[in-house]
Amino acid sequence: MGYGGGVYKIKQLKNGKILFAGSRGAYQIFEPDMTPFRSGMWSANGPIYDAEEMDNGNILLVGSLGNWSVINNEGKGLKSGRYKTSHITSVARLSDGNLIAVTSPGSYILFNQEGTIIGDGLVSGKNVVSNLLSVTSFPGNHAVVRDGSKVHILKIENNTAENVYTGKTNVVKGEIDDKTTVKISDNKIFFGGSNGIFQIMEVDLTP
């Protein structure tokens, strides 16, 4: 990125443009041919960890110290806020178009398509400190949350996320690569780790 710093998120938008978001709270949008289109800084003084596009084309940025911000697909800031947590680490768009974000130390946050918080709670259902690394959406308004070497499956209904499964992955704590979590089909997810360790997990979405 032209202003320096690490890149934490690269995402192609529905209009073909490409969003880069980085460690200094900066973001840049490129045309499909990689011609720079717009750059900016979000309102928070800290890194942007993840970004997700809404159905209306706006983009939710999340990051350090519980900060979040909504920009449009041309990079203009629309609204921002701060959640009561250390970091918002990951965000995904659900089947119903709303968004779910996860935090360290262990909460989920639900946003509607206007970027307003409509629900929150504890991913594990218990008041325990968790290092939530990623959230990935699945059909039927489900989400898979990676929590260190554990995994949670959530079902989101009525602005509440119910924990319907918690289990262990084969990728142990010392081998975790927190950015290598990819949905590879409607019921399978790939977890990566260091030293070539990986796991493909089947996600049971049975009601």
C-alpha atoms as a PDB file:
ATOM      1  CA  MET A   1       0.000   0.000   0.000  1.00  0.00           C
ATOM      2  CA  GLY A   2       1.357   3.367  -0.911  1.00  0.00           C
ATOM      3  CA  TYR A   3       1.269   4.736   2.652  1.00  0.00           C
ATOM      4  CA  GLY A   4       3.255   1.805   4.115  1.00  0.00           C
ATOM      5  CA  GLY A   5       2.326  -0.705   6.807  1.00  0.00           C
ATOM      6  CA  GLY A   6       1.075  -4.263   6.693  1.00  0.00           C
ATOM      7  CA  VAL A   7      -2.037  -5.406   4.827  1.00  0.00           C
ATOM      8  CA  TYR A   8      -4.504  -7.428   6.913  1.00  0.00           C
ATOM      9  CA  LYS A   9      -7.390  -7.669   4.452  1.00  0.00           C
ATOM     10  CA  ILE A  10      -7.768  -7.828   0.667  1.00  0.00           C
ATOM     11  CA  LYS A  11     -11.315  -8.101  -0.653  1.00  0.00           C
ATOM     12  CA  GLN A  12     -12.837  -7.843  -4.107  1.00  0.00           C
ATOM     13  CA  LEU A  13     -16.051  -5.820  -4.015  1.00  0.00           C
ATOM     14  CA  LYS A  14     -19.208  -6.523  -5.994  1.00  0.00           C
ATOM     15  CA  ASN A  15     -18.460  -3.598  -8.317  1.00  0.00           C
ATOM     16  CA  GLY A  16     -15.128  -5.199  -9.276  1.00  0.00           C
ATOM     17  CA  LYS A  17     -12.963  -2.829  -7.269  1.00  0.00           C
ATOM     18  CA  ILE A  18     -10.488  -4.224  -4.729  1.00  0.00           C
ATOM     19  CA  LEU A  19     -10.209  -3.095  -1.113  1.00  0.00           C
ATOM     20  CA  PHE A  20      -6.947  -3.236   0.854  1.00  0.00           C
ATOM     21  CA  ALA A  21      -7.035  -2.547   4.610  1.00  0.00           C
ATOM     22  CA  GLY A  22      -4.000  -2.242   6.796  1.00  0.00           C
ATOM     23  CA  SER A  23      -2.157  -2.050  10.046  1.00  0.00           C
ATOM     24  CA  ARG A  24      -2.191   1.733  10.389  1.00  0.00           C
ATOM     25  CA  GLY A  25      -5.941   2.163  10.087  1.00  0.00           C
ATOM     26  CA  ALA A  26      -5.584   2.950   6.402  1.00  0.00           C
ATOM     27  CA  TYR A  27      -7.552   1.547   3.489  1.00  0.00           C
ATOM     28  CA  GLN A  28      -7.194   1.864  -0.260  1.00  0.00           C
ATOM     29  CA  ILE A  29      -9.572   0.968  -3.076  1.00  0.00           C
ATOM     30  CA  PHE A  30      -8.236   0.006  -6.498  1.00  0.00           C
ATOM     31  CA  GLU A  31      -9.920  -0.313  -9.875  1.00  0.00           C
ATOM     32  CA  PRO A  32     -10.037  -3.879 -11.292  1.00  0.00           C
ATOM     33  CA  ASP A  33      -6.871  -3.105 -13.298  1.00  0.00           C
ATOM     34  CA  MET A  34      -5.186  -2.057 -10.005  1.00  0.00           C
ATOM     35  CA  THR A  35      -5.288   1.659 -10.792  1.00  0.00           C
ATOM     36  CA  PRO A  36      -5.630   3.486  -7.434  1.00  0.00           C
ATOM     37  CA  PHE A  37      -9.183   4.789  -6.978  1.00  0.00           C
ATOM     38  CA  ARG A  38      -9.329   6.183  -3.428  1.00  0.00           C
ATOM     39  CA  SER A  39      -7.412   5.946  -0.165  1.00  0.00           C
ATOM     40  CA  GLY A  40      -8.355   6.964   3.329  1.00  0.00           C
ATOM     41  CA  MET A  41      -8.011   6.457   7.058  1.00  0.00           C
ATOM     42  CA  TRP A  42     -10.783   5.213   9.257  1.00  0.00           C
ATOM     43  CA  SER A  43     -11.809   7.206  12.308  1.00  0.00           C
ATOM     44  CA  ALA A  44     -10.057   4.928  14.806  1.00  0.00           C
ATOM     45  CA  ASN A  45      -6.393   5.183  15.738  1.00  0.00           C
ATOM     46  CA  GLY A  46      -5.410   1.554  15.139  1.00  0.00           C
ATOM     47  CA  PRO A  47      -5.296  -1.297  12.635  1.00  0.00           C
ATOM     48  CA  ILE A  48      -8.174  -2.620  10.562  1.00  0.00           C
ATOM     49  CA  TYR A  49      -8.309  -6.406  10.993  1.00  0.00           C
ATOM     50  CA  ASP A  50     -11.148  -7.359   8.655  1.00  0.00           C
ATOM     51  CA  ALA A  51     -13.812  -6.004   6.291  1.00  0.00           C
ATOM     52  CA  GLU A  52     -17.069  -7.294   4.833  1.00  0.00           C
ATOM     53  CA  GLU A  53     -19.308  -5.881   2.113  1.00  0.00           C
ATOM     54  CA  MET A  54     -23.021  -5.520   2.795  1.00  0.00           C
ATOM     55  CA  ASP A  55     -25.762  -6.281   0.299  1.00  0.00           C
ATOM     56  CA  ASN A  56     -26.205  -2.528  -0.275  1.00  0.00           C
ATOM     57  CA  GLY A  57     -22.539  -2.141  -1.269  1.00  0.00           C
ATOM     58  CA  ASN A  58     -21.411  -0.462   1.946  1.00  0.00           C
ATOM     59  CA  ILE A  59     -18.454  -1.978   3.790  1.00  0.00           C
ATOM     60  CA  LEU A  60     -18.029  -2.701   7.496  1.00  0.00           C
ATOM     61  CA  LEU A  61     -14.454  -2.299   8.749  1.00  0.00           C
ATOM     62  CA  VAL A  62     -13.518  -3.790  12.139  1.00  0.00           C
ATOM     63  CA  GLY A  63     -10.346  -3.644  14.161  1.00  0.00           C
ATOM     64  CA  SER A  64      -8.430  -2.842  17.297  1.00  0.00           C
ATOM     65  CA  LEU A  65      -9.866  -1.613  20.599  1.00  0.00           C
ATOM     66  CA  GLY A  66     -13.403  -2.551  19.561  1.00  0.00           C
ATOM     67  CA  ASN A  67     -13.548   0.005  16.773  1.00  0.00           C
ATOM     68  CA  TRP A  68     -15.767  -0.374  13.710  1.00  0.00           C
ATOM     69  CA  SER A  69     -16.628   1.874  10.786  1.00  0.00           C
ATOM     70  CA  VAL A  70     -18.922   1.821   7.750  1.00  0.00           C
ATOM     71  CA  ILE A  71     -17.727   3.231   4.424  1.00  0.00           C
ATOM     72  CA  ASN A  72     -19.399   3.164   1.027  1.00  0.00           C
ATOM     73  CA  ASN A  73     -17.870   1.385  -1.959  1.00  0.00           C
ATOM     74  CA  GLU A  74     -16.195   4.625  -3.002  1.00  0.00           C
ATOM     75  CA  GLY A  75     -14.359   4.875   0.312  1.00  0.00           C
ATOM     76  CA  LYS A  76     -16.441   7.629   1.949  1.00  0.00           C
ATOM     77  CA  GLY A  77     -16.965   7.254   5.713  1.00  0.00           C
ATOM     78  CA  LEU A  78     -20.612   6.919   6.752  1.00  0.00           C
ATOM     79  CA  LYS A  79     -20.654   6.026  10.452  1.00  0.00           C
ATOM     80  CA  SER A  80     -18.425   4.575  13.157  1.00  0.00           C
ATOM     81  CA  GLY A  81     -18.485   3.332  16.723  1.00  0.00           C
ATOM     82  CA  ARG A  82     -16.663   1.426  19.410  1.00  0.00           C
ATOM     83  CA  TYR A  83     -17.692  -1.827  21.059  1.00  0.00           C
ATOM     84  CA  LYS A  84     -16.933  -2.711  24.678  1.00  0.00           C
ATOM     85  CA  THR A  85     -14.071  -5.098  23.950  1.00  0.00           C
ATOM     86  CA  SER A  86     -10.364  -5.309  23.237  1.00  0.00           C
ATOM     87  CA  HIS A  87     -10.403  -6.139  19.513  1.00  0.00           C
ATOM     88  CA  ILE A  88     -12.919  -7.040  16.815  1.00  0.00           C
ATOM     89  CA  THR A  89     -10.976  -9.675  14.916  1.00  0.00           C
ATOM     90  CA  SER A  90     -13.229 -10.925  12.103  1.00  0.00           C
ATOM     91  CA  VAL A  91     -16.555 -10.266  10.359  1.00  0.00           C
ATOM     92  CA  ALA A  92     -18.766 -12.204   7.915  1.00  0.00           C
ATOM     93  CA  ARG A  93     -22.071 -11.657   6.090  1.00  0.00           C
ATOM     94  CA  LEU A  94     -24.853 -14.054   7.125  1.00  0.00           C
ATOM     95  CA  SER A  95     -27.462 -15.705   4.907  1.00  0.00           C
ATOM     96  CA  ASP A  96     -30.058 -13.081   5.864  1.00  0.00           C
ATOM     97  CA  GLY A  97     -27.766 -10.203   4.848  1.00  0.00           C
ATOM     98  CA  ASN A  98     -26.891  -9.106   8.364  1.00  0.00           C
ATOM     99  CA  LEU A  99     -23.299  -9.319   9.574  1.00  0.00           C
ATOM    100  CA  ILE A 100     -21.670 -11.127  12.483  1.00  0.00           C
ATOM    101  CA  ALA A 101     -18.348 -10.049  13.992  1.00  0.00           C
ATOM    102  CA  VAL A 102     -16.314 -11.761  16.717  1.00  0.00           C
ATOM    103  CA  THR A 103     -14.010 -10.323  19.323  1.00  0.00           C
ATOM    104  CA  SER A 104     -11.139 -11.037  21.604  1.00  0.00           C
ATOM    105  CA  PRO A 105     -11.922 -11.796  24.455  1.00  0.00           C
ATOM    106  CA  GLY A 106     -14.939 -13.818  23.265  1.00  0.00           C
ATOM    107  CA  SER A 107     -18.088 -11.966  22.195  1.00  0.00           C
ATOM    108  CA  TYR A 108     -20.113 -11.840  18.996  1.00  0.00           C
ATOM    109  CA  ILE A 109     -21.698  -8.684  17.580  1.00  0.00           C
ATOM    110  CA  LEU A 110     -24.575  -8.606  15.079  1.00  0.00           C
ATOM    111  CA  PHE A 111     -24.911  -5.672  12.666  1.00  0.00           C
ATOM    112  CA  ASN A 112     -27.803  -4.936  10.329  1.00  0.00           C
ATOM    113  CA  GLN A 113     -27.315  -3.734   6.755  1.00  0.00           C
ATOM    114  CA  GLU A 114     -27.247  -0.106   7.874  1.00  0.00           C
ATOM    115  CA  GLY A 115     -24.252  -0.835  10.101  1.00  0.00           C
ATOM    116  CA  THR A 116     -26.202  -0.626  13.374  1.00  0.00           C
ATOM    117  CA  ILE A 117     -25.538  -3.098  16.190  1.00  0.00           C
ATOM    118  CA  ILE A 118     -28.688  -5.199  16.701  1.00  0.00           C
ATOM    119  CA  GLY A 119     -27.403  -7.879  19.084  1.00  0.00           C
ATOM    120  CA  ASP A 120     -24.403  -9.206  20.969  1.00  0.00           C
ATOM    121  CA  GLY A 121     -23.421 -11.897  23.451  1.00  0.00           C
ATOM    122  CA  LEU A 122     -20.873 -14.559  24.350  1.00  0.00           C
ATOM    123  CA  VAL A 123     -19.894 -17.046  21.644  1.00  0.00           C
ATOM    124  CA  SER A 124     -19.308 -19.927  24.066  1.00  0.00           C
ATOM    125  CA  GLY A 125     -22.387 -19.114  26.122  1.00  0.00           C
ATOM    126  CA  LYS A 126     -20.114 -18.796  29.157  1.00  0.00           C
ATOM    127  CA  ASN A 127     -18.219 -15.859  30.608  1.00  0.00           C
ATOM    128  CA  VAL A 128     -14.753 -17.110  29.684  1.00  0.00           C
ATOM    129  CA  VAL A 129     -11.859 -15.371  27.941  1.00  0.00           C
ATOM    130  CA  SER A 130     -11.500 -16.667  24.370  1.00  0.00           C
ATOM    131  CA  ASN A 131      -9.170 -15.769  21.524  1.00  0.00           C
ATOM    132  CA  LEU A 132     -11.659 -15.709  18.660  1.00  0.00           C
ATOM    133  CA  LEU A 133      -9.632 -15.812  15.455  1.00  0.00           C
ATOM    134  CA  SER A 134     -12.197 -15.915  12.665  1.00  0.00           C
ATOM    135  CA  VAL A 135     -15.888 -16.176  11.809  1.00  0.00           C
ATOM    136  CA  THR A 136     -17.165 -17.795   8.605  1.00  0.00           C
ATOM    137  CA  SER A 137     -20.787 -17.824   7.442  1.00  0.00           C
ATOM    138  CA  PHE A 138     -22.657 -20.936   6.318  1.00  0.00           C
ATOM    139  CA  PRO A 139     -26.163 -21.562   4.915  1.00  0.00           C
ATOM    140  CA  GLY A 140     -29.202 -21.244   7.145  1.00  0.00           C
ATOM    141  CA  ASN A 141     -27.803 -18.295   9.093  1.00  0.00           C
ATOM    142  CA  HIS A 142     -25.062 -20.405  10.670  1.00  0.00           C
ATOM    143  CA  ALA A 143     -21.555 -19.232  11.499  1.00  0.00           C
ATOM    144  CA  VAL A 144     -18.381 -21.138  12.367  1.00  0.00           C
ATOM    145  CA  VAL A 145     -16.078 -19.405  14.851  1.00  0.00           C
ATOM    146  CA  ARG A 146     -12.472 -20.449  15.350  1.00  0.00           C
ATOM    147  CA  ASP A 147     -11.463 -20.096  19.000  1.00  0.00           C
ATOM    148  CA  GLY A 148      -7.802 -21.059  19.316  1.00  0.00           C
ATOM    149  CA  SER A 149      -7.793 -24.816  18.748  1.00  0.00           C
ATOM    150  CA  LYS A 150     -11.559 -25.017  19.403  1.00  0.00           C
ATOM    151  CA  VAL A 151     -14.406 -24.384  16.990  1.00  0.00           C
ATOM    152  CA  HIS A 152     -17.961 -23.174  17.690  1.00  0.00           C
ATOM    153  CA  ILE A 153     -20.995 -23.460  15.424  1.00  0.00           C
ATOM    154  CA  LEU A 154     -23.574 -20.741  15.951  1.00  0.00           C
ATOM    155  CA  LYS A 155     -27.164 -20.478  14.740  1.00  0.00           C
ATOM    156  CA  ILE A 156     -28.379 -16.879  14.473  1.00  0.00           C
ATOM    157  CA  GLU A 157     -32.082 -16.200  14.996  1.00  0.00           C
ATOM    158  CA  ASN A 158     -33.989 -13.184  16.340  1.00  0.00           C
ATOM    159  CA  ASN A 159     -30.797 -11.143  16.682  1.00  0.00           C
ATOM    160  CA  THR A 160     -29.250 -13.783  18.969  1.00  0.00           C
ATOM    161  CA  ALA A 161     -26.528 -16.339  18.254  1.00  0.00           C
ATOM    162  CA  GLU A 162     -27.068 -19.741  19.875  1.00  0.00           C
ATOM    163  CA  ASN A 163     -24.030 -21.991  20.324  1.00  0.00           C
ATOM    164  CA  VAL A 164     -25.145 -25.342  18.878  1.00  0.00           C
ATOM    165  CA  TYR A 165     -21.744 -27.065  18.891  1.00  0.00           C
ATOM    166  CA  THR A 166     -18.288 -26.685  20.437  1.00  0.00           C
ATOM    167  CA  GLY A 167     -15.419 -29.034  19.659  1.00  0.00           C
ATOM    168  CA  LYS A 168     -11.683 -29.328  19.107  1.00  0.00           C
ATOM    169  CA  THR A 169      -9.788 -28.996  15.834  1.00  0.00           C
ATOM    170  CA  ASN A 170      -6.766 -31.124  14.953  1.00  0.00           C
ATOM    171  CA  VAL A 171      -4.701 -27.952  14.585  1.00  0.00           C
ATOM    172  CA  VAL A 172      -3.296 -27.507  18.083  1.00  0.00           C
ATOM    173  CA  LYS A 173      -2.690 -24.163  19.750  1.00  0.00           C
ATOM    174  CA  GLY A 174       1.006 -23.841  18.891  1.00  0.00           C
ATOM    175  CA  GLU A 175       0.357 -24.576  15.187  1.00  0.00           C
ATOM    176  CA  ILE A 176      -2.518 -22.163  14.546  1.00  0.00           C
ATOM    177  CA  ASP A 177      -2.416 -19.776  11.600  1.00  0.00           C
ATOM    178  CA  ASP A 178      -5.218 -17.383  12.450  1.00  0.00           C
ATOM    179  CA  LYS A 179      -5.713 -16.138   8.892  1.00  0.00           C
ATOM    180  CA  THR A 180      -6.022 -19.516   7.153  1.00  0.00           C
ATOM    181  CA  THR A 181      -9.697 -20.360   7.609  1.00  0.00           C
ATOM    182  CA  VAL A 182     -11.621 -20.866   4.360  1.00  0.00           C
ATOM    183  CA  LYS A 183     -15.101 -22.187   3.542  1.00  0.00           C
ATOM    184  CA  ILE A 184     -14.569 -24.667   0.703  1.00  0.00           C
ATOM    185  CA  SER A 185     -18.183 -25.831   0.265  1.00  0.00           C
ATOM    186  CA  ASP A 186     -21.603 -25.328   1.841  1.00  0.00           C
ATOM    187  CA  ASN A 187     -20.717 -27.800   4.609  1.00  0.00           C
ATOM    188  CA  LYS A 188     -16.905 -27.915   4.774  1.00  0.00           C
ATOM    189  CA  ILE A 189     -14.279 -25.554   6.179  1.00  0.00           C
ATOM    190  CA  PHE A 190     -10.482 -25.580   5.907  1.00  0.00           C
ATOM    191  CA  PHE A 191      -8.321 -24.766   8.945  1.00  0.00           C
ATOM    192  CA  GLY A 192      -4.640 -24.110   8.308  1.00  0.00           C
ATOM    193  CA  GLY A 193      -1.684 -24.146  10.640  1.00  0.00           C
ATOM    194  CA  SER A 194       2.059 -23.793  10.702  1.00  0.00           C
ATOM    195  CA  ASN A 195       4.464 -26.518   9.563  1.00  0.00           C
ATOM    196  CA  GLY A 196       2.026 -27.691   6.887  1.00  0.00           C
ATOM    197  CA  ILE A 197      -0.637 -28.781   9.373  1.00  0.00           C
ATOM    198  CA  PHE A 198      -4.255 -28.436   8.197  1.00  0.00           C
ATOM    199  CA  GLN A 199      -7.712 -29.859   8.770  1.00  0.00           C
ATOM    200  CA  ILE A 200     -10.851 -30.035   6.632  1.00  0.00           C
ATOM    201  CA  MET A 201     -13.899 -30.136   8.896  1.00  0.00           C
ATOM    202  CA  GLU A 202     -17.432 -31.072   7.922  1.00  0.00           C
ATOM    203  CA  VAL A 203     -19.942 -28.649   9.417  1.00  0.00           C
ATOM    204  CA  ASP A 204     -23.147 -30.311  10.623  1.00  0.00           C
ATOM    205  CA  LEU A 205     -26.006 -27.920   9.879  1.00  0.00           C
ATOM    206  CA  THR A 206     -28.749 -30.393  10.762  1.00  0.00           C
ATOM    207  CA  PRO A 207     -31.617 -28.576  12.533  1.00  0.00           C
END
